[in-house]
Amino acid sequence: MNDEPCANIILLSTSDNVVVACEQISAGSLIEVKGVTITVQSDVEIGHKIARMDINLDDKIFKYGAPIGCATRTIAQGAHVHTHNIQSDYLQSYRGQRILSKEV
């Protein structure tokens, strides 16, 4: 088993459930993470995350060995992980909230 990161992704911590794209990666590309071959499900931009394993609804997303948010839906191994399927623990999010207007 080869523990070296692939040229196109990086695993920041062994406890992470995502890897980070070091270059643009096309759908259908194969990446290897700690001996596991993963098929990338959609195009992923540089710096974006890819699910290292299946992630269930409400599971914590781990990057740098720390939780950075929660899954807002089930995320399959190899899927793009970004604002469309996670809620950040750091950025205020209005997803799912009703904004009420006040009369002035």
PDB file of N, CA and C in Angstrom:
ATOM      1  N   MET A   1       0.863  -1.188   0.000  1.00  0.00           N
ATOM      2  CA  MET A   1       0.000   0.000   0.000  1.00  0.00           C
ATOM      3  C   MET A   1       0.894   1.231   0.000  1.00  0.00           C
ATOM      4  N   ASN A   2       0.567   2.194  -0.836  1.00  0.00           N
ATOM      5  CA  ASN A   2       1.349   3.422  -0.968  1.00  0.00           C
ATOM      6  C   ASN A   2       0.676   4.528  -0.168  1.00  0.00           C
ATOM      7  N   ASP A   3       1.377   5.075   0.836  1.00  0.00           N
ATOM      8  CA  ASP A   3       0.803   6.132   1.669  1.00  0.00           C
ATOM      9  C   ASP A   3       1.071   7.537   1.131  1.00  0.00           C
ATOM     10  N   GLU A   4       1.773   7.653   0.015  1.00  0.00           N
ATOM     11  CA  GLU A   4       2.038   8.965  -0.573  1.00  0.00           C
ATOM     12  C   GLU A   4       0.767   9.502  -1.213  1.00  0.00           C
ATOM     13  N   PRO A   5       0.497  10.821  -1.054  1.00  0.00           N
ATOM     14  CA  PRO A   5      -0.702  11.378  -1.707  1.00  0.00           C
ATOM     15  C   PRO A   5      -0.559  11.348  -3.219  1.00  0.00           C
ATOM     16  N   CYS A   6      -1.680  11.168  -3.908  1.00  0.00           N
ATOM     17  CA  CYS A   6      -1.666  11.240  -5.369  1.00  0.00           C
ATOM     18  C   CYS A   6      -1.292  12.654  -5.785  1.00  0.00           C
ATOM     19  N   ALA A   7      -0.815  12.803  -7.002  1.00  0.00           N
ATOM     20  CA  ALA A   7      -0.391  14.115  -7.489  1.00  0.00           C
ATOM     21  C   ALA A   7      -1.548  15.105  -7.547  1.00  0.00           C
ATOM     22  N   ASN A   8      -2.781  14.617  -7.717  1.00  0.00           N
ATOM     23  CA  ASN A   8      -3.891  15.536  -7.940  1.00  0.00           C
ATOM     24  C   ASN A   8      -4.770  15.770  -6.713  1.00  0.00           C
ATOM     25  N   ILE A   9      -4.501  15.101  -5.592  1.00  0.00           N
ATOM     26  CA  ILE A   9      -5.287  15.319  -4.366  1.00  0.00           C
ATOM     27  C   ILE A   9      -4.352  15.296  -3.166  1.00  0.00           C
ATOM     28  N   ILE A  10      -4.864  15.795  -2.027  1.00  0.00           N
ATOM     29  CA  ILE A  10      -4.109  15.700  -0.787  1.00  0.00           C
ATOM     30  C   ILE A  10      -5.057  15.340   0.346  1.00  0.00           C
ATOM     31  N   LEU A  11      -4.614  14.422   1.182  1.00  0.00           N
ATOM     32  CA  LEU A  11      -5.324  14.053   2.401  1.00  0.00           C
ATOM     33  C   LEU A  11      -4.620  14.792   3.528  1.00  0.00           C
ATOM     34  N   LEU A  12      -5.306  15.754   4.139  1.00  0.00           N
ATOM     35  CA  LEU A  12      -4.675  16.619   5.139  1.00  0.00           C
ATOM     36  C   LEU A  12      -4.509  15.941   6.496  1.00  0.00           C
ATOM     37  N   SER A  13      -5.402  15.002   6.829  1.00  0.00           N
ATOM     38  CA  SER A  13      -5.320  14.250   8.080  1.00  0.00           C
ATOM     39  C   SER A  13      -5.934  12.876   7.837  1.00  0.00           C
ATOM     40  N   THR A  14      -5.374  11.853   8.442  1.00  0.00           N
ATOM     41  CA  THR A  14      -5.920  10.511   8.248  1.00  0.00           C
ATOM     42  C   THR A  14      -7.335  10.376   8.799  1.00  0.00           C
ATOM     43  N   SER A  15      -7.763  11.290   9.665  1.00  0.00           N
ATOM     44  CA  SER A  15      -9.134  11.237  10.193  1.00  0.00           C
ATOM     45  C   SER A  15     -10.138  11.974   9.309  1.00  0.00           C
ATOM     46  N   ASP A  16      -9.684  12.629   8.234  1.00  0.00           N
ATOM     47  CA  ASP A  16     -10.579  13.365   7.334  1.00  0.00           C
ATOM     48  C   ASP A  16     -11.436  12.417   6.503  1.00  0.00           C
ATOM     49  N   ASN A  17     -12.692  12.817   6.252  1.00  0.00           N
ATOM     50  CA  ASN A  17     -13.553  12.055   5.346  1.00  0.00           C
ATOM     51  C   ASN A  17     -13.641  12.721   3.973  1.00  0.00           C
ATOM     52  N   VAL A  18     -12.789  13.729   3.742  1.00  0.00           N
ATOM     53  CA  VAL A  18     -12.661  14.383   2.439  1.00  0.00           C
ATOM     54  C   VAL A  18     -11.182  14.522   2.092  1.00  0.00           C
ATOM     55  N   VAL A  19     -10.917  14.649   0.795  1.00  0.00           N
ATOM     56  CA  VAL A  19      -9.593  15.011   0.300  1.00  0.00           C
ATOM     57  C   VAL A  19      -9.751  16.308  -0.469  1.00  0.00           C
ATOM     58  N   VAL A  20      -8.649  16.988  -0.731  1.00  0.00           N
ATOM     59  CA  VAL A  20      -8.687  18.281  -1.415  1.00  0.00           C
ATOM     60  C   VAL A  20      -8.035  18.138  -2.790  1.00  0.00           C
ATOM     61  N   ALA A  21      -8.699  18.680  -3.813  1.00  0.00           N
ATOM     62  CA  ALA A  21      -8.169  18.657  -5.181  1.00  0.00           C
ATOM     63  C   ALA A  21      -7.044  19.668  -5.318  1.00  0.00           C
ATOM     64  N   CYS A  22      -5.889  19.208  -5.777  1.00  0.00           N
ATOM     65  CA  CYS A  22      -4.731  20.091  -5.996  1.00  0.00           C
ATOM     66  C   CYS A  22      -4.695  20.623  -7.420  1.00  0.00           C
ATOM     67  N   GLU A  23      -5.641  20.207  -8.230  1.00  0.00           N
ATOM     68  CA  GLU A  23      -5.804  20.672  -9.604  1.00  0.00           C
ATOM     69  C   GLU A  23      -7.249  20.381  -9.990  1.00  0.00           C
ATOM     70  N   GLN A  24      -7.700  20.920 -11.112  1.00  0.00           N
ATOM     71  CA  GLN A  24      -9.047  20.599 -11.569  1.00  0.00           C
ATOM     72  C   GLN A  24      -9.085  19.113 -11.897  1.00  0.00           C
ATOM     73  N   ILE A  25     -10.123  18.424 -11.429  1.00  0.00           N
ATOM     74  CA  ILE A  25     -10.260  16.983 -11.659  1.00  0.00           C
ATOM     75  C   ILE A  25     -11.571  16.746 -12.399  1.00  0.00           C
ATOM     76  N   SER A  26     -11.501  15.981 -13.464  1.00  0.00           N
ATOM     77  CA  SER A  26     -12.685  15.711 -14.295  1.00  0.00           C
ATOM     78  C   SER A  26     -13.478  14.529 -13.762  1.00  0.00           C
ATOM     79  N   ALA A  27     -14.783  14.574 -13.994  1.00  0.00           N
ATOM     80  CA  ALA A  27     -15.662  13.452 -13.648  1.00  0.00           C
ATOM     81  C   ALA A  27     -15.122  12.181 -14.292  1.00  0.00           C
ATOM     82  N   GLY A  28     -15.173  11.086 -13.547  1.00  0.00           N
ATOM     83  CA  GLY A  28     -14.700   9.803 -14.057  1.00  0.00           C
ATOM     84  C   GLY A  28     -13.238   9.529 -13.774  1.00  0.00           C
ATOM     85  N   SER A  29     -12.497  10.554 -13.327  1.00  0.00           N
ATOM     86  CA  SER A  29     -11.088  10.351 -12.984  1.00  0.00           C
ATOM     87  C   SER A  29     -10.978   9.433 -11.779  1.00  0.00           C
ATOM     88  N   LEU A  30      -9.891   8.689 -11.723  1.00  0.00           N
ATOM     89  CA  LEU A  30      -9.608   7.832 -10.579  1.00  0.00           C
ATOM     90  C   LEU A  30      -8.578   8.508  -9.694  1.00  0.00           C
ATOM     91  N   ILE A  31      -8.824   8.474  -8.382  1.00  0.00           N
ATOM     92  CA  ILE A  31      -7.838   8.953  -7.422  1.00  0.00           C
ATOM     93  C   ILE A  31      -7.583   7.815  -6.443  1.00  0.00           C
ATOM     94  N   GLU A  32      -6.425   7.812  -5.829  1.00  0.00           N
ATOM     95  CA  GLU A  32      -6.107   6.789  -4.846  1.00  0.00           C
ATOM     96  C   GLU A  32      -5.825   7.469  -3.520  1.00  0.00           C
ATOM     97  N   VAL A  33      -6.511   6.991  -2.480  1.00  0.00           N
ATOM     98  CA  VAL A  33      -6.344   7.542  -1.140  1.00  0.00           C
ATOM     99  C   VAL A  33      -6.034   6.391  -0.201  1.00  0.00           C
ATOM    100  N   LYS A  34      -4.792   6.342   0.270  1.00  0.00           N
ATOM    101  CA  LYS A  34      -4.355   5.314   1.219  1.00  0.00           C
ATOM    102  C   LYS A  34      -4.735   3.916   0.741  1.00  0.00           C
ATOM    103  N   GLY A  35      -4.458   3.640  -0.538  1.00  0.00           N
ATOM    104  CA  GLY A  35      -4.681   2.317  -1.102  1.00  0.00           C
ATOM    105  C   GLY A  35      -6.081   2.052  -1.610  1.00  0.00           C
ATOM    106  N   VAL A  36      -6.994   3.014  -1.475  1.00  0.00           N
ATOM    107  CA  VAL A  36      -8.373   2.860  -1.957  1.00  0.00           C
ATOM    108  C   VAL A  36      -8.534   3.689  -3.226  1.00  0.00           C
ATOM    109  N   THR A  37      -8.979   3.051  -4.299  1.00  0.00           N
ATOM    110  CA  THR A  37      -9.226   3.759  -5.556  1.00  0.00           C
ATOM    111  C   THR A  37     -10.657   4.266  -5.556  1.00  0.00           C
ATOM    112  N   ILE A  38     -10.804   5.561  -5.861  1.00  0.00           N
ATOM    113  CA  ILE A  38     -12.102   6.246  -5.838  1.00  0.00           C
ATOM    114  C   ILE A  38     -12.341   6.867  -7.205  1.00  0.00           C
ATOM    115  N   THR A  39     -13.557   6.717  -7.730  1.00  0.00           N
ATOM    116  CA  THR A  39     -13.952   7.364  -8.981  1.00  0.00           C
ATOM    117  C   THR A  39     -14.593   8.697  -8.635  1.00  0.00           C
ATOM    118  N   VAL A  40     -14.060   9.774  -9.200  1.00  0.00           N
ATOM    119  CA  VAL A  40     -14.603  11.120  -8.969  1.00  0.00           C
ATOM    120  C   VAL A  40     -15.916  11.233  -9.747  1.00  0.00           C
ATOM    121  N   GLN A  41     -16.991  11.650  -9.064  1.00  0.00           N
ATOM    122  CA  GLN A  41     -18.348  11.624  -9.624  1.00  0.00           C
ATOM    123  C   GLN A  41     -18.692  12.800 -10.534  1.00  0.00           C
ATOM    124  N   SER A  42     -18.049  13.958 -10.322  1.00  0.00           N
ATOM    125  CA  SER A  42     -18.335  15.137 -11.148  1.00  0.00           C
ATOM    126  C   SER A  42     -17.068  15.981 -11.210  1.00  0.00           C
ATOM    127  N   ASP A  43     -17.056  16.962 -12.099  1.00  0.00           N
ATOM    128  CA  ASP A  43     -15.897  17.852 -12.187  1.00  0.00           C
ATOM    129  C   ASP A  43     -15.700  18.567 -10.856  1.00  0.00           C
ATOM    130  N   VAL A  44     -14.446  18.685 -10.417  1.00  0.00           N
ATOM    131  CA  VAL A  44     -14.114  19.324  -9.143  1.00  0.00           C
ATOM    132  C   VAL A  44     -13.016  20.349  -9.393  1.00  0.00           C
ATOM    133  N   GLU A  45     -13.247  21.564  -8.943  1.00  0.00           N
ATOM    134  CA  GLU A  45     -12.276  22.648  -9.107  1.00  0.00           C
ATOM    135  C   GLU A  45     -11.124  22.506  -8.105  1.00  0.00           C
ATOM    136  N   ILE A  46     -10.011  23.115  -8.427  1.00  0.00           N
ATOM    137  CA  ILE A  46      -8.857  23.128  -7.537  1.00  0.00           C
ATOM    138  C   ILE A  46      -9.259  23.718  -6.181  1.00  0.00           C
ATOM    139  N   GLY A  47      -8.815  23.080  -5.114  1.00  0.00           N
ATOM    140  CA  GLY A  47      -9.106  23.549  -3.762  1.00  0.00           C
ATOM    141  C   GLY A  47     -10.415  23.038  -3.187  1.00  0.00           C
ATOM    142  N   HIS A  48     -11.244  22.402  -4.013  1.00  0.00           N
ATOM    143  CA  HIS A  48     -12.515  21.872  -3.523  1.00  0.00           C
ATOM    144  C   HIS A  48     -12.318  20.465  -2.976  1.00  0.00           C
ATOM    145  N   LYS A  49     -13.318  19.997  -2.238  1.00  0.00           N
ATOM    146  CA  LYS A  49     -13.224  18.724  -1.544  1.00  0.00           C
ATOM    147  C   LYS A  49     -13.946  17.613  -2.308  1.00  0.00           C
ATOM    148  N   ILE A  50     -13.445  16.373  -2.100  1.00  0.00           N
ATOM    149  CA  ILE A  50     -14.040  15.161  -2.654  1.00  0.00           C
ATOM    150  C   ILE A  50     -14.263  14.207  -1.489  1.00  0.00           C
ATOM    151  N   ALA A  51     -15.430  13.559  -1.454  1.00  0.00           N
ATOM    152  CA  ALA A  51     -15.730  12.617  -0.377  1.00  0.00           C
ATOM    153  C   ALA A  51     -14.813  11.395  -0.479  1.00  0.00           C
ATOM    154  N   ARG A  52     -14.128  11.124   0.596  1.00  0.00           N
ATOM    155  CA  ARG A  52     -13.221   9.980   0.671  1.00  0.00           C
ATOM    156  C   ARG A  52     -13.994   8.688   0.906  1.00  0.00           C
ATOM    157  N   MET A  53     -15.178   8.809   1.461  1.00  0.00           N
ATOM    158  CA  MET A  53     -16.052   7.684   1.785  1.00  0.00           C
ATOM    159  C   MET A  53     -17.485   8.184   1.723  1.00  0.00           C
ATOM    160  N   ASP A  54     -18.451   7.286   1.798  1.00  0.00           N
ATOM    161  CA  ASP A  54     -19.849   7.713   1.868  1.00  0.00           C
ATOM    162  C   ASP A  54     -20.046   8.517   3.159  1.00  0.00           C
ATOM    163  N   ILE A  55     -20.804   9.607   3.052  1.00  0.00           N
ATOM    164  CA  ILE A  55     -21.098  10.483   4.192  1.00  0.00           C
ATOM    165  C   ILE A  55     -22.610  10.590   4.289  1.00  0.00           C
ATOM    166  N   ASN A  56     -23.145  10.312   5.457  1.00  0.00           N
ATOM    167  CA  ASN A  56     -24.595  10.337   5.662  1.00  0.00           C
ATOM    168  C   ASN A  56     -25.094  11.741   6.010  1.00  0.00           C
ATOM    169  N   LEU A  57     -26.378  11.955   5.804  1.00  0.00           N
ATOM    170  CA  LEU A  57     -27.040  13.192   6.204  1.00  0.00           C
ATOM    171  C   LEU A  57     -26.709  13.494   7.658  1.00  0.00           C
ATOM    172  N   ASP A  58     -26.341  14.731   7.940  1.00  0.00           N
ATOM    173  CA  ASP A  58     -26.006  15.241   9.272  1.00  0.00           C
ATOM    174  C   ASP A  58     -24.654  14.775   9.813  1.00  0.00           C
ATOM    175  N   ASP A  59     -23.917  13.934   9.077  1.00  0.00           N
ATOM    176  CA  ASP A  59     -22.569  13.570   9.511  1.00  0.00           C
ATOM    177  C   ASP A  59     -21.674  14.799   9.460  1.00  0.00           C
ATOM    178  N   LYS A  60     -20.709  14.864  10.351  1.00  0.00           N
ATOM    179  CA  LYS A  60     -19.714  15.931  10.335  1.00  0.00           C
ATOM    180  C   LYS A  60     -18.751  15.709   9.175  1.00  0.00           C
ATOM    181  N   ILE A  61     -18.348  16.800   8.544  1.00  0.00           N
ATOM    182  CA  ILE A  61     -17.312  16.784   7.518  1.00  0.00           C
ATOM    183  C   ILE A  61     -16.003  17.135   8.228  1.00  0.00           C
ATOM    184  N   PHE A  62     -14.999  16.287   8.071  1.00  0.00           N
ATOM    185  CA  PHE A  62     -13.705  16.508   8.711  1.00  0.00           C
ATOM    186  C   PHE A  62     -12.646  16.867   7.681  1.00  0.00           C
ATOM    187  N   LYS A  63     -11.952  17.993   7.928  1.00  0.00           N
ATOM    188  CA  LYS A  63     -10.837  18.470   7.117  1.00  0.00           C
ATOM    189  C   LYS A  63      -9.816  19.004   8.099  1.00  0.00           C
ATOM    190  N   TYR A  64      -8.542  18.749   7.875  1.00  0.00           N
ATOM    191  CA  TYR A  64      -7.467  19.102   8.819  1.00  0.00           C
ATOM    192  C   TYR A  64      -7.631  18.357  10.145  1.00  0.00           C
ATOM    193  N   GLY A  65      -8.398  17.248  10.154  1.00  0.00           N
ATOM    194  CA  GLY A  65      -8.645  16.513  11.382  1.00  0.00           C
ATOM    195  C   GLY A  65      -9.667  17.159  12.284  1.00  0.00           C
ATOM    196  N   ALA A  66     -10.347  18.195  11.801  1.00  0.00           N
ATOM    197  CA  ALA A  66     -11.321  18.942  12.608  1.00  0.00           C
ATOM    198  C   ALA A  66     -12.645  19.036  11.851  1.00  0.00           C
ATOM    199  N   PRO A  67     -13.764  19.090  12.582  1.00  0.00           N
ATOM    200  CA  PRO A  67     -15.056  19.241  11.903  1.00  0.00           C
ATOM    201  C   PRO A  67     -15.183  20.640  11.308  1.00  0.00           C
ATOM    202  N   ILE A  68     -15.625  20.706  10.044  1.00  0.00           N
ATOM    203  CA  ILE A  68     -15.799  22.006   9.380  1.00  0.00           C
ATOM    204  C   ILE A  68     -17.256  22.273   9.022  1.00  0.00           C
ATOM    205  N   GLY A  69     -18.122  21.282   9.176  1.00  0.00           N
ATOM    206  CA  GLY A  69     -19.529  21.442   8.839  1.00  0.00           C
ATOM    207  C   GLY A  69     -20.247  20.117   8.911  1.00  0.00           C
ATOM    208  N   CYS A  70     -21.520  20.112   8.459  1.00  0.00           N
ATOM    209  CA  CYS A  70     -22.345  18.892   8.441  1.00  0.00           C
ATOM    210  C   CYS A  70     -22.907  18.688   7.046  1.00  0.00           C
ATOM    211  N   ALA A  71     -23.096  17.424   6.707  1.00  0.00           N
ATOM    212  CA  ALA A  71     -23.711  17.079   5.422  1.00  0.00           C
ATOM    213  C   ALA A  71     -25.198  17.428   5.456  1.00  0.00           C
ATOM    214  N   THR A  72     -25.666  18.149   4.445  1.00  0.00           N
ATOM    215  CA  THR A  72     -27.086  18.495   4.350  1.00  0.00           C
ATOM    216  C   THR A  72     -27.858  17.461   3.540  1.00  0.00           C
ATOM    217  N   ARG A  73     -27.150  16.470   3.018  1.00  0.00           N
ATOM    218  CA  ARG A  73     -27.740  15.339   2.294  1.00  0.00           C
ATOM    219  C   ARG A  73     -26.717  14.215   2.294  1.00  0.00           C
ATOM    220  N   THR A  74     -27.100  13.044   1.852  1.00  0.00           N
ATOM    221  CA  THR A  74     -26.159  11.936   1.712  1.00  0.00           C
ATOM    222  C   THR A  74     -25.170  12.291   0.604  1.00  0.00           C
ATOM    223  N   ILE A  75     -23.883  12.042   0.853  1.00  0.00           N
ATOM    224  CA  ILE A  75     -22.825  12.343  -0.110  1.00  0.00           C
ATOM    225  C   ILE A  75     -22.099  11.036  -0.405  1.00  0.00           C
ATOM    226  N   ALA A  76     -22.096  10.617  -1.655  1.00  0.00           N
ATOM    227  CA  ALA A  76     -21.456   9.362  -2.048  1.00  0.00           C
ATOM    228  C   ALA A  76     -19.938   9.519  -2.137  1.00  0.00           C
ATOM    229  N   GLN A  77     -19.237   8.422  -1.897  1.00  0.00           N
ATOM    230  CA  GLN A  77     -17.785   8.411  -2.078  1.00  0.00           C
ATOM    231  C   GLN A  77     -17.467   8.910  -3.488  1.00  0.00           C
ATOM    232  N   GLY A  78     -16.508   9.828  -3.599  1.00  0.00           N
ATOM    233  CA  GLY A  78     -16.104  10.379  -4.891  1.00  0.00           C
ATOM    234  C   GLY A  78     -16.871  11.618  -5.311  1.00  0.00           C
ATOM    235  N   ALA A  79     -17.901  12.005  -4.542  1.00  0.00           N
ATOM    236  CA  ALA A  79     -18.712  13.182  -4.898  1.00  0.00           C
ATOM    237  C   ALA A  79     -18.025  14.474  -4.472  1.00  0.00           C
ATOM    238  N   HIS A  80     -18.339  15.539  -5.171  1.00  0.00           N
ATOM    239  CA  HIS A  80     -17.872  16.889  -4.853  1.00  0.00           C
ATOM    240  C   HIS A  80     -18.514  17.316  -3.536  1.00  0.00           C
ATOM    241  N   VAL A  81     -17.730  17.825  -2.613  1.00  0.00           N
ATOM    242  CA  VAL A  81     -18.231  18.275  -1.308  1.00  0.00           C
ATOM    243  C   VAL A  81     -17.993  19.776  -1.235  1.00  0.00           C
ATOM    244  N   HIS A  82     -19.089  20.534  -1.195  1.00  0.00           N
ATOM    245  CA  HIS A  82     -18.980  22.001  -1.194  1.00  0.00           C
ATOM    246  C   HIS A  82     -20.270  22.569  -0.611  1.00  0.00           C
ATOM    247  N   THR A  83     -20.525  23.832  -0.819  1.00  0.00           N
ATOM    248  CA  THR A  83     -21.665  24.515  -0.197  1.00  0.00           C
ATOM    249  C   THR A  83     -23.021  23.958  -0.618  1.00  0.00           C
ATOM    250  N   HIS A  84     -23.089  23.226  -1.715  1.00  0.00           N
ATOM    251  CA  HIS A  84     -24.367  22.648  -2.153  1.00  0.00           C
ATOM    252  C   HIS A  84     -24.776  21.426  -1.322  1.00  0.00           C
ATOM    253  N   ASN A  85     -23.842  20.850  -0.559  1.00  0.00           N
ATOM    254  CA  ASN A  85     -24.202  19.670   0.219  1.00  0.00           C
ATOM    255  C   ASN A  85     -23.625  19.653   1.647  1.00  0.00           C
ATOM    256  N   ILE A  86     -23.085  20.791   2.084  1.00  0.00           N
ATOM    257  CA  ILE A  86     -22.676  20.909   3.489  1.00  0.00           C
ATOM    258  C   ILE A  86     -23.115  22.258   4.047  1.00  0.00           C
ATOM    259  N   GLN A  87     -23.288  22.274   5.346  1.00  0.00           N
ATOM    260  CA  GLN A  87     -23.531  23.529   6.050  1.00  0.00           C
ATOM    261  C   GLN A  87     -22.297  23.786   6.894  1.00  0.00           C
ATOM    262  N   SER A  88     -21.663  24.912   6.680  1.00  0.00           N
ATOM    263  CA  SER A  88     -20.425  25.258   7.365  1.00  0.00           C
ATOM    264  C   SER A  88     -20.648  25.475   8.854  1.00  0.00           C
ATOM    265  N   ASP A  89     -19.666  25.067   9.639  1.00  0.00           N
ATOM    266  CA  ASP A  89     -19.664  25.383  11.070  1.00  0.00           C
ATOM    267  C   ASP A  89     -19.124  26.794  11.308  1.00  0.00           C
ATOM    268  N   TYR A  90     -18.584  27.431  10.268  1.00  0.00           N
ATOM    269  CA  TYR A  90     -17.903  28.712  10.433  1.00  0.00           C
ATOM    270  C   TYR A  90     -18.608  29.883   9.777  1.00  0.00           C
ATOM    271  N   LEU A  91     -19.345  29.634   8.699  1.00  0.00           N
ATOM    272  CA  LEU A  91     -20.015  30.715   7.984  1.00  0.00           C
ATOM    273  C   LEU A  91     -21.492  30.701   8.305  1.00  0.00           C
ATOM    274  N   GLN A  92     -22.068  31.884   8.526  1.00  0.00           N
ATOM    275  CA  GLN A  92     -23.498  31.967   8.766  1.00  0.00           C
ATOM    276  C   GLN A  92     -24.224  31.503   7.512  1.00  0.00           C
ATOM    277  N   SER A  93     -25.228  30.693   7.701  1.00  0.00           N
ATOM    278  CA  SER A  93     -25.970  30.158   6.571  1.00  0.00           C
ATOM    279  C   SER A  93     -27.458  30.435   6.773  1.00  0.00           C
ATOM    280  N   TYR A  94     -28.130  30.820   5.705  1.00  0.00           N
ATOM    281  CA  TYR A  94     -29.560  31.063   5.762  1.00  0.00           C
ATOM    282  C   TYR A  94     -30.332  29.908   5.133  1.00  0.00           C
ATOM    283  N   ARG A  95     -29.629  28.825   4.746  1.00  0.00           N
ATOM    284  CA  ARG A  95     -30.276  27.679   4.131  1.00  0.00           C
ATOM    285  C   ARG A  95     -31.351  27.130   5.068  1.00  0.00           C
ATOM    286  N   GLY A  96     -32.530  26.959   4.566  1.00  0.00           N
ATOM    287  CA  GLY A  96     -33.603  26.363   5.338  1.00  0.00           C
ATOM    288  C   GLY A  96     -34.266  27.307   6.329  1.00  0.00           C
ATOM    289  N   GLN A  97     -33.823  28.552   6.412  1.00  0.00           N
ATOM    290  CA  GLN A  97     -34.430  29.499   7.344  1.00  0.00           C
ATOM    291  C   GLN A  97     -35.340  30.440   6.578  1.00  0.00           C
ATOM    292  N   ARG A  98     -36.420  30.793   7.190  1.00  0.00           N
ATOM    293  CA  ARG A  98     -37.337  31.760   6.604  1.00  0.00           C
ATOM    294  C   ARG A  98     -36.915  33.149   7.047  1.00  0.00           C
ATOM    295  N   ILE A  99     -36.756  34.031   6.131  1.00  0.00           N
ATOM    296  CA  ILE A  99     -36.385  35.412   6.474  1.00  0.00           C
ATOM    297  C   ILE A  99     -37.684  36.225   6.546  1.00  0.00           C
ATOM    298  N   LEU A 100     -37.914  36.807   7.699  1.00  0.00           N
ATOM    299  CA  LEU A 100     -39.132  37.586   7.906  1.00  0.00           C
ATOM    300  C   LEU A 100     -38.807  39.070   7.721  1.00  0.00           C
ATOM    301  N   SER A 101     -39.659  39.735   6.979  1.00  0.00           N
ATOM    302  CA  SER A 101     -39.452  41.157   6.801  1.00  0.00           C
ATOM    303  C   SER A 101     -40.221  41.913   7.877  1.00  0.00           C
ATOM    304  N   LYS A 102     -39.685  43.048   8.273  1.00  0.00           N
ATOM    305  CA  LYS A 102     -40.354  43.895   9.251  1.00  0.00           C
ATOM    306  C   LYS A 102     -40.888  45.128   8.536  1.00  0.00           C
ATOM    307  N   GLU A 103     -42.044  45.518   8.937  1.00  0.00           N
ATOM    308  CA  GLU A 103     -42.549  46.781   8.403  1.00  0.00           C
ATOM    309  C   GLU A 103     -41.911  47.907   9.196  1.00  0.00           C
ATOM    310  N   VAL A 104     -41.462  48.902   8.508  1.00  0.00           N
ATOM    311  CA  VAL A 104     -40.796  50.016   9.165  1.00  0.00           C
ATOM    312  C   VAL A 104     -41.728  51.200   9.252  1.00  0.00           C
TER     313      VAL A 104
END
